[in-house]
Amino acid sequence: MDKLAFIESKIIGWEALEATTSAWRLRGQRVAFSNGCFDILHRGHVEYLARAAEMADHLVVGLNSDDSVRRLKGPGRPVQDERARAIVLASLHWVSRVVVFGQDTPLELILALRPDVLVKGADYRVEDIVGAKEVLSWGGQVRTVDLTQGYSTTNIINKTR
């Protein structure tokens, strides 16, 4: 398989995700989950995802669909479409799978995936993280990662204007 085909194979739908994670768990492997828009991938995103990947054997990234990004961020976003954003995320070798979700929050995806570790940035309090209560209820962990200061998609967009 060539490299681009390998990257694209890491972008999967919900049904394939459930089968994939079940196979990982049968091998005793743990799954971490994080999510976001990842509109313009920058150093802060890369460092955050690298830290998240250290928390389990596999990192699954839930990616907001174009429609959900527009609802959350406004009509000028996303800058890149969901396919482009998914390919960039999947190109990170420590990202095991990328799955797109269209809801405003990843709760349905979290309930389907049942991650062992739910990861968000330290700008969130654990009690405010969508899915935290549910992950904790099945014995999983909720962890936060310090963010790299000075990096945000909004700042990058504003600089280019």
N, C-alpha and C. Protein backbone atom coordinates (compact mmCIF):
# COMPACT_ATOMS: atom_id res chain seq x y z
N MET A 1 0.85 -1.17 0.00
CA MET A 1 0.00 0.00 0.00
C MET A 1 0.90 1.23 0.00
N ASP A 2 0.61 2.17 -0.89
CA ASP A 2 1.42 3.38 -0.90
C ASP A 2 1.07 4.27 0.29
N LYS A 3 1.89 5.25 0.56
CA LYS A 3 1.74 6.07 1.76
C LYS A 3 0.42 6.84 1.80
N LEU A 4 0.00 7.41 0.68
CA LEU A 4 -1.26 8.15 0.67
C LEU A 4 -2.45 7.22 0.92
N ALA A 5 -2.42 6.04 0.32
CA ALA A 5 -3.49 5.07 0.55
C ALA A 5 -3.52 4.65 2.02
N PHE A 6 -2.35 4.49 2.63
CA PHE A 6 -2.28 4.16 4.05
C PHE A 6 -2.92 5.26 4.89
N ILE A 7 -2.56 6.51 4.59
CA ILE A 7 -3.14 7.64 5.33
C ILE A 7 -4.66 7.64 5.18
N GLU A 8 -5.15 7.49 3.96
CA GLU A 8 -6.59 7.51 3.72
C GLU A 8 -7.30 6.33 4.39
N SER A 9 -6.60 5.21 4.56
CA SER A 9 -7.21 4.04 5.21
C SER A 9 -7.46 4.30 6.70
N LYS A 10 -6.81 5.30 7.26
CA LYS A 10 -7.00 5.63 8.68
C LYS A 10 -8.24 6.49 8.91
N ILE A 11 -8.87 6.97 7.84
CA ILE A 11 -10.09 7.77 7.93
C ILE A 11 -11.26 6.82 7.72
N ILE A 12 -12.04 6.59 8.77
CA ILE A 12 -13.07 5.56 8.69
C ILE A 12 -14.41 6.07 9.24
N GLY A 13 -15.46 5.33 8.92
CA GLY A 13 -16.80 5.63 9.42
C GLY A 13 -17.03 5.00 10.78
N TRP A 14 -18.16 5.31 11.36
CA TRP A 14 -18.47 4.84 12.70
C TRP A 14 -18.53 3.32 12.80
N GLU A 15 -19.13 2.66 11.80
CA GLU A 15 -19.27 1.20 11.86
C GLU A 15 -17.89 0.54 11.84
N ALA A 16 -17.04 0.99 10.94
CA ALA A 16 -15.68 0.44 10.85
C ALA A 16 -14.90 0.74 12.12
N LEU A 17 -15.15 1.89 12.71
CA LEU A 17 -14.47 2.25 13.96
C LEU A 17 -14.81 1.27 15.07
N GLU A 18 -16.08 0.93 15.18
CA GLU A 18 -16.49 -0.01 16.23
C GLU A 18 -15.81 -1.37 16.04
N ALA A 19 -15.74 -1.85 14.80
CA ALA A 19 -15.08 -3.14 14.53
C ALA A 19 -13.58 -3.05 14.81
N THR A 20 -12.97 -1.95 14.41
CA THR A 20 -11.53 -1.78 14.61
C THR A 20 -11.19 -1.73 16.09
N THR A 21 -11.94 -0.92 16.85
CA THR A 21 -11.63 -0.80 18.28
C THR A 21 -11.93 -2.09 19.02
N SER A 22 -12.93 -2.84 18.57
CA SER A 22 -13.19 -4.15 19.19
C SER A 22 -12.01 -5.08 19.00
N ALA A 23 -11.43 -5.07 17.81
CA ALA A 23 -10.25 -5.91 17.54
C ALA A 23 -9.07 -5.48 18.41
N TRP A 24 -8.86 -4.18 18.56
CA TRP A 24 -7.78 -3.70 19.42
C TRP A 24 -7.99 -4.18 20.86
N ARG A 25 -9.21 -4.06 21.33
CA ARG A 25 -9.50 -4.43 22.73
C ARG A 25 -9.32 -5.93 22.95
N LEU A 26 -9.65 -6.74 21.93
CA LEU A 26 -9.44 -8.18 22.06
C LEU A 26 -7.96 -8.50 22.24
N ARG A 27 -7.09 -7.62 21.74
CA ARG A 27 -5.64 -7.79 21.91
C ARG A 27 -5.15 -7.11 23.20
N GLY A 28 -6.09 -6.61 24.01
CA GLY A 28 -5.72 -5.99 25.27
C GLY A 28 -5.21 -4.56 25.13
N GLN A 29 -5.50 -3.92 24.02
CA GLN A 29 -5.00 -2.56 23.78
C GLN A 29 -6.03 -1.52 24.20
N ARG A 30 -5.53 -0.42 24.71
CA ARG A 30 -6.37 0.68 25.19
C ARG A 30 -6.54 1.75 24.12
N VAL A 31 -7.70 2.43 24.17
CA VAL A 31 -8.05 3.43 23.17
C VAL A 31 -8.25 4.78 23.84
N ALA A 32 -7.56 5.79 23.33
CA ALA A 32 -7.78 7.18 23.74
C ALA A 32 -8.58 7.88 22.66
N PHE A 33 -9.36 8.87 23.07
CA PHE A 33 -10.18 9.62 22.13
C PHE A 33 -10.05 11.11 22.43
N SER A 34 -9.92 11.88 21.38
CA SER A 34 -10.02 13.33 21.48
C SER A 34 -10.76 13.82 20.25
N ASN A 35 -11.18 15.06 20.29
CA ASN A 35 -11.95 15.58 19.17
C ASN A 35 -11.71 17.07 19.00
N GLY A 36 -12.10 17.57 17.83
CA GLY A 36 -12.00 18.99 17.58
C GLY A 36 -12.23 19.31 16.12
N CYS A 37 -12.11 20.59 15.80
CA CYS A 37 -12.28 21.08 14.43
C CYS A 37 -10.99 20.93 13.63
N PHE A 38 -9.84 21.19 14.26
CA PHE A 38 -8.53 21.06 13.63
C PHE A 38 -8.52 21.69 12.24
N ASP A 39 -8.98 22.94 12.19
CA ASP A 39 -9.18 23.62 10.92
C ASP A 39 -7.86 23.91 10.21
N ILE A 40 -6.94 24.51 10.90
CA ILE A 40 -5.59 24.73 10.36
C ILE A 40 -4.64 24.08 11.36
N LEU A 41 -4.13 22.91 11.02
CA LEU A 41 -3.29 22.18 11.95
C LEU A 41 -2.02 22.96 12.23
N HIS A 42 -1.72 23.20 13.50
CA HIS A 42 -0.56 23.99 13.90
C HIS A 42 0.19 23.29 15.02
N ARG A 43 1.29 23.90 15.42
CA ARG A 43 2.16 23.31 16.45
C ARG A 43 1.38 22.93 17.71
N GLY A 44 0.48 23.78 18.16
CA GLY A 44 -0.31 23.47 19.35
C GLY A 44 -1.11 22.19 19.19
N HIS A 45 -1.74 22.01 18.02
CA HIS A 45 -2.49 20.78 17.76
C HIS A 45 -1.57 19.56 17.77
N VAL A 46 -0.44 19.68 17.09
CA VAL A 46 0.47 18.55 16.97
C VAL A 46 0.98 18.11 18.35
N GLU A 47 1.39 19.08 19.16
CA GLU A 47 1.88 18.74 20.50
C GLU A 47 0.77 18.14 21.36
N TYR A 48 -0.42 18.71 21.27
CA TYR A 48 -1.57 18.21 22.02
C TYR A 48 -1.87 16.75 21.64
N LEU A 49 -1.95 16.48 20.35
CA LEU A 49 -2.27 15.13 19.89
C LEU A 49 -1.16 14.13 20.22
N ALA A 50 0.09 14.57 20.17
CA ALA A 50 1.19 13.69 20.54
C ALA A 50 1.08 13.29 22.01
N ARG A 51 0.74 14.25 22.86
CA ARG A 51 0.57 13.94 24.29
C ARG A 51 -0.63 13.03 24.51
N ALA A 52 -1.72 13.29 23.80
CA ALA A 52 -2.90 12.44 23.93
C ALA A 52 -2.59 11.00 23.52
N ALA A 53 -1.79 10.83 22.49
CA ALA A 53 -1.46 9.49 21.99
C ALA A 53 -0.63 8.70 23.00
N GLU A 54 0.07 9.39 23.86
CA GLU A 54 0.89 8.71 24.88
C GLU A 54 0.04 8.05 25.97
N MET A 55 -1.25 8.34 26.01
CA MET A 55 -2.11 7.89 27.09
C MET A 55 -2.75 6.53 26.84
N ALA A 56 -2.55 5.97 25.65
CA ALA A 56 -3.14 4.67 25.33
C ALA A 56 -2.37 4.07 24.16
N ASP A 57 -2.78 2.88 23.77
CA ASP A 57 -2.14 2.21 22.64
C ASP A 57 -2.55 2.81 21.30
N HIS A 58 -3.77 3.34 21.25
CA HIS A 58 -4.30 3.91 20.02
C HIS A 58 -4.99 5.23 20.32
N LEU A 59 -4.84 6.19 19.42
CA LEU A 59 -5.54 7.47 19.52
C LEU A 59 -6.52 7.58 18.36
N VAL A 60 -7.78 7.76 18.69
CA VAL A 60 -8.83 8.03 17.72
C VAL A 60 -9.19 9.50 17.84
N VAL A 61 -9.22 10.19 16.71
CA VAL A 61 -9.57 11.61 16.70
C VAL A 61 -10.93 11.77 16.03
N GLY A 62 -11.86 12.36 16.77
CA GLY A 62 -13.16 12.72 16.23
C GLY A 62 -13.05 14.10 15.61
N LEU A 63 -13.41 14.22 14.35
CA LEU A 63 -13.26 15.47 13.61
C LEU A 63 -14.64 16.05 13.31
N ASN A 64 -14.86 17.29 13.73
CA ASN A 64 -16.12 17.96 13.42
C ASN A 64 -16.30 18.07 11.91
N SER A 65 -17.49 17.74 11.42
CA SER A 65 -17.81 17.90 10.01
C SER A 65 -17.82 19.38 9.64
N ASP A 66 -17.81 19.66 8.36
CA ASP A 66 -17.87 21.06 7.90
C ASP A 66 -19.10 21.77 8.46
N ASP A 67 -20.25 21.10 8.41
CA ASP A 67 -21.48 21.73 8.91
C ASP A 67 -21.39 22.03 10.40
N SER A 68 -20.85 21.10 11.18
CA SER A 68 -20.77 21.36 12.62
C SER A 68 -19.75 22.45 12.93
N VAL A 69 -18.67 22.55 12.16
CA VAL A 69 -17.71 23.64 12.35
C VAL A 69 -18.39 24.99 12.09
N ARG A 70 -19.17 25.06 11.02
CA ARG A 70 -19.89 26.31 10.72
C ARG A 70 -20.84 26.69 11.85
N ARG A 71 -21.53 25.71 12.41
CA ARG A 71 -22.44 25.99 13.51
C ARG A 71 -21.68 26.47 14.75
N LEU A 72 -20.50 25.90 14.98
CA LEU A 72 -19.72 26.25 16.18
C LEU A 72 -18.89 27.52 16.01
N LYS A 73 -18.32 27.73 14.82
CA LYS A 73 -17.34 28.80 14.62
C LYS A 73 -17.83 29.95 13.76
N GLY A 74 -18.91 29.74 13.02
CA GLY A 74 -19.44 30.82 12.18
C GLY A 74 -19.29 30.52 10.71
N PRO A 75 -19.89 31.38 9.87
CA PRO A 75 -19.96 31.11 8.43
C PRO A 75 -18.62 31.14 7.69
N GLY A 76 -17.59 31.75 8.24
CA GLY A 76 -16.30 31.79 7.57
C GLY A 76 -15.43 30.57 7.82
N ARG A 77 -15.94 29.63 8.55
CA ARG A 77 -15.18 28.44 8.88
C ARG A 77 -15.95 27.21 8.44
N PRO A 78 -15.31 26.11 8.18
CA PRO A 78 -13.87 25.91 8.28
C PRO A 78 -13.12 26.51 7.09
N VAL A 79 -11.84 26.73 7.28
CA VAL A 79 -10.99 27.20 6.20
C VAL A 79 -10.72 26.04 5.24
N GLN A 80 -10.48 24.86 5.80
CA GLN A 80 -10.25 23.65 4.99
C GLN A 80 -11.45 22.72 5.15
N ASP A 81 -11.80 22.01 4.07
CA ASP A 81 -12.93 21.10 4.18
C ASP A 81 -12.56 19.88 5.02
N GLU A 82 -13.59 19.13 5.41
CA GLU A 82 -13.37 18.01 6.34
C GLU A 82 -12.45 16.94 5.76
N ARG A 83 -12.50 16.71 4.47
CA ARG A 83 -11.61 15.70 3.87
C ARG A 83 -10.15 16.13 4.00
N ALA A 84 -9.87 17.39 3.71
CA ALA A 84 -8.50 17.89 3.83
C ALA A 84 -8.04 17.82 5.28
N ARG A 85 -8.90 18.23 6.21
CA ARG A 85 -8.53 18.20 7.62
C ARG A 85 -8.30 16.77 8.10
N ALA A 86 -9.13 15.84 7.62
CA ALA A 86 -8.98 14.43 8.01
C ALA A 86 -7.66 13.85 7.49
N ILE A 87 -7.30 14.17 6.26
CA ILE A 87 -6.05 13.66 5.70
C ILE A 87 -4.84 14.19 6.47
N VAL A 88 -4.88 15.46 6.80
CA VAL A 88 -3.76 16.02 7.56
C VAL A 88 -3.64 15.34 8.92
N LEU A 89 -4.75 15.17 9.62
CA LEU A 89 -4.71 14.48 10.92
C LEU A 89 -4.23 13.04 10.78
N ALA A 90 -4.75 12.33 9.78
CA ALA A 90 -4.37 10.93 9.60
C ALA A 90 -2.91 10.77 9.21
N SER A 91 -2.30 11.83 8.71
CA SER A 91 -0.89 11.73 8.33
C SER A 91 0.03 11.71 9.55
N LEU A 92 -0.48 12.09 10.70
CA LEU A 92 0.32 12.00 11.93
C LEU A 92 0.41 10.53 12.33
N HIS A 93 1.62 10.01 12.43
CA HIS A 93 1.75 8.56 12.63
C HIS A 93 1.16 8.09 13.94
N TRP A 94 1.04 8.95 14.94
CA TRP A 94 0.50 8.53 16.23
C TRP A 94 -1.03 8.61 16.28
N VAL A 95 -1.66 9.11 15.24
CA VAL A 95 -3.12 9.08 15.15
C VAL A 95 -3.50 7.77 14.47
N SER A 96 -4.20 6.91 15.22
CA SER A 96 -4.56 5.60 14.69
C SER A 96 -5.73 5.65 13.72
N ARG A 97 -6.75 6.44 14.06
CA ARG A 97 -7.92 6.57 13.19
C ARG A 97 -8.51 7.97 13.34
N VAL A 98 -9.16 8.43 12.27
CA VAL A 98 -9.90 9.69 12.26
C VAL A 98 -11.32 9.35 11.83
N VAL A 99 -12.28 9.87 12.57
CA VAL A 99 -13.68 9.66 12.24
C VAL A 99 -14.41 11.00 12.32
N VAL A 100 -15.18 11.29 11.29
CA VAL A 100 -15.91 12.57 11.20
C VAL A 100 -17.27 12.41 11.88
N PHE A 101 -17.65 13.44 12.65
CA PHE A 101 -18.98 13.45 13.25
C PHE A 101 -19.66 14.78 12.95
N GLY A 102 -20.97 14.73 12.76
CA GLY A 102 -21.71 15.92 12.35
C GLY A 102 -22.49 16.60 13.45
N GLN A 103 -22.52 16.00 14.63
CA GLN A 103 -23.25 16.59 15.74
C GLN A 103 -22.46 17.77 16.32
N ASP A 104 -23.12 18.60 17.13
CA ASP A 104 -22.44 19.73 17.75
C ASP A 104 -21.46 19.28 18.83
N THR A 105 -21.72 18.13 19.43
CA THR A 105 -20.80 17.58 20.42
C THR A 105 -20.47 16.13 20.02
N PRO A 106 -19.38 15.59 20.55
CA PRO A 106 -19.00 14.22 20.20
C PRO A 106 -19.65 13.15 21.09
N LEU A 107 -20.68 13.51 21.86
CA LEU A 107 -21.22 12.56 22.83
C LEU A 107 -21.66 11.24 22.19
N GLU A 108 -22.41 11.30 21.09
CA GLU A 108 -22.85 10.05 20.44
C GLU A 108 -21.67 9.19 20.01
N LEU A 109 -20.64 9.83 19.50
CA LEU A 109 -19.44 9.10 19.06
C LEU A 109 -18.73 8.50 20.27
N ILE A 110 -18.63 9.25 21.35
CA ILE A 110 -18.00 8.73 22.57
C ILE A 110 -18.77 7.51 23.08
N LEU A 111 -20.10 7.59 23.08
CA LEU A 111 -20.90 6.46 23.54
C LEU A 111 -20.73 5.23 22.65
N ALA A 112 -20.57 5.44 21.35
CA ALA A 112 -20.35 4.33 20.42
C ALA A 112 -18.94 3.74 20.58
N LEU A 113 -17.97 4.61 20.76
CA LEU A 113 -16.57 4.19 20.85
C LEU A 113 -16.21 3.61 22.21
N ARG A 114 -16.76 4.19 23.28
CA ARG A 114 -16.43 3.81 24.66
C ARG A 114 -14.91 3.81 24.91
N PRO A 115 -14.28 4.98 24.74
CA PRO A 115 -12.83 5.03 24.92
C PRO A 115 -12.40 4.73 26.35
N ASP A 116 -11.18 4.23 26.48
CA ASP A 116 -10.60 4.01 27.80
C ASP A 116 -10.12 5.32 28.40
N VAL A 117 -9.72 6.24 27.52
CA VAL A 117 -9.23 7.55 27.97
C VAL A 117 -9.86 8.62 27.07
N LEU A 118 -10.47 9.61 27.69
CA LEU A 118 -11.01 10.77 26.98
C LEU A 118 -10.07 11.93 27.25
N VAL A 119 -9.59 12.58 26.19
CA VAL A 119 -8.56 13.62 26.33
C VAL A 119 -9.07 14.93 25.75
N LYS A 120 -8.88 16.01 26.52
CA LYS A 120 -9.18 17.36 26.05
C LYS A 120 -8.08 18.29 26.54
N GLY A 121 -8.08 19.50 26.02
CA GLY A 121 -7.11 20.50 26.44
C GLY A 121 -7.37 20.97 27.85
N ALA A 122 -6.32 21.44 28.52
CA ALA A 122 -6.43 21.88 29.91
C ALA A 122 -7.22 23.17 30.05
N ASP A 123 -7.68 23.74 28.93
CA ASP A 123 -8.58 24.89 29.03
C ASP A 123 -9.99 24.44 29.41
N TYR A 124 -10.22 23.13 29.50
CA TYR A 124 -11.48 22.56 29.96
C TYR A 124 -11.32 22.03 31.37
N ARG A 125 -12.36 22.18 32.18
CA ARG A 125 -12.41 21.51 33.48
C ARG A 125 -13.02 20.14 33.22
N VAL A 126 -12.54 19.12 33.92
CA VAL A 126 -13.02 17.75 33.68
C VAL A 126 -14.54 17.69 33.74
N GLU A 127 -15.15 18.37 34.70
CA GLU A 127 -16.61 18.30 34.84
C GLU A 127 -17.35 18.97 33.68
N ASP A 128 -16.65 19.76 32.88
CA ASP A 128 -17.27 20.42 31.73
C ASP A 128 -17.01 19.70 30.40
N ILE A 129 -16.24 18.65 30.41
CA ILE A 129 -15.90 17.94 29.18
C ILE A 129 -17.06 17.03 28.77
N VAL A 130 -17.52 17.21 27.55
CA VAL A 130 -18.61 16.38 27.01
C VAL A 130 -18.15 14.91 27.03
N GLY A 131 -18.97 14.07 27.63
CA GLY A 131 -18.68 12.63 27.69
C GLY A 131 -17.90 12.20 28.92
N ALA A 132 -17.42 13.14 29.72
CA ALA A 132 -16.60 12.78 30.88
C ALA A 132 -17.36 11.89 31.85
N LYS A 133 -18.56 12.28 32.18
CA LYS A 133 -19.37 11.51 33.13
C LYS A 133 -19.56 10.08 32.63
N GLU A 134 -19.84 9.94 31.34
CA GLU A 134 -20.08 8.62 30.76
C GLU A 134 -18.80 7.78 30.77
N VAL A 135 -17.68 8.35 30.37
CA VAL A 135 -16.41 7.61 30.34
C VAL A 135 -16.04 7.16 31.75
N LEU A 136 -16.19 8.03 32.70
CA LEU A 136 -15.89 7.66 34.10
C LEU A 136 -16.83 6.56 34.58
N SER A 137 -18.09 6.55 34.11
CA SER A 137 -19.07 5.55 34.56
C SER A 137 -18.69 4.14 34.15
N TRP A 138 -17.96 3.97 33.03
CA TRP A 138 -17.55 2.62 32.64
C TRP A 138 -16.11 2.32 33.01
N GLY A 139 -15.54 3.14 33.90
CA GLY A 139 -14.20 2.86 34.41
C GLY A 139 -13.07 3.48 33.62
N GLY A 140 -13.41 4.34 32.65
CA GLY A 140 -12.37 5.00 31.88
C GLY A 140 -11.80 6.20 32.61
N GLN A 141 -10.84 6.83 31.98
CA GLN A 141 -10.19 8.01 32.54
C GLN A 141 -10.51 9.23 31.69
N VAL A 142 -10.52 10.39 32.33
CA VAL A 142 -10.63 11.66 31.63
C VAL A 142 -9.39 12.45 31.97
N ARG A 143 -8.63 12.82 30.95
CA ARG A 143 -7.35 13.51 31.17
C ARG A 143 -7.33 14.81 30.38
N THR A 144 -6.62 15.78 30.92
CA THR A 144 -6.42 17.03 30.19
C THR A 144 -4.94 17.19 29.87
N VAL A 145 -4.68 17.92 28.81
CA VAL A 145 -3.32 18.16 28.33
C VAL A 145 -3.09 19.66 28.29
N ASP A 146 -1.96 20.09 28.84
CA ASP A 146 -1.60 21.50 28.76
C ASP A 146 -1.46 21.91 27.31
N LEU A 147 -1.95 23.09 27.01
CA LEU A 147 -1.88 23.60 25.63
C LEU A 147 -0.60 24.40 25.42
N THR A 148 -0.10 24.37 24.22
CA THR A 148 1.08 25.15 23.86
C THR A 148 0.63 26.59 23.69
N GLN A 149 1.17 27.46 24.51
CA GLN A 149 0.75 28.86 24.49
C GLN A 149 1.12 29.56 23.18
N GLY A 150 0.24 30.44 22.75
CA GLY A 150 0.52 31.26 21.58
C GLY A 150 0.10 30.65 20.25
N TYR A 151 -0.56 29.49 20.29
CA TYR A 151 -0.97 28.85 19.05
C TYR A 151 -2.48 28.61 19.07
N SER A 152 -3.16 29.18 18.10
CA SER A 152 -4.58 28.90 17.92
C SER A 152 -4.93 29.18 16.46
N THR A 153 -5.91 28.44 15.98
CA THR A 153 -6.36 28.64 14.60
C THR A 153 -6.89 30.05 14.41
N THR A 154 -7.64 30.56 15.38
CA THR A 154 -8.19 31.91 15.27
C THR A 154 -7.07 32.93 15.14
N ASN A 155 -6.00 32.79 15.94
CA ASN A 155 -4.86 33.72 15.84
C ASN A 155 -4.21 33.65 14.47
N ILE A 156 -4.06 32.44 13.94
CA ILE A 156 -3.44 32.29 12.62
C ILE A 156 -4.31 32.96 11.56
N ILE A 157 -5.62 32.74 11.61
CA ILE A 157 -6.53 33.37 10.64
C ILE A 157 -6.45 34.88 10.76
N ASN A 158 -6.46 35.39 11.97
CA ASN A 158 -6.40 36.85 12.16
C ASN A 158 -5.09 37.43 11.65
N LYS A 159 -3.99 36.73 11.80
CA LYS A 159 -2.69 37.20 11.30
C LYS A 159 -2.68 37.32 9.79
N THR A 160 -3.38 36.42 9.11
CA THR A 160 -3.35 36.41 7.64
C THR A 160 -4.22 37.52 7.05
N ARG A 161 -5.06 38.12 7.86
CA ARG A 161 -5.97 39.17 7.35
C ARG A 161 -5.28 40.48 7.23
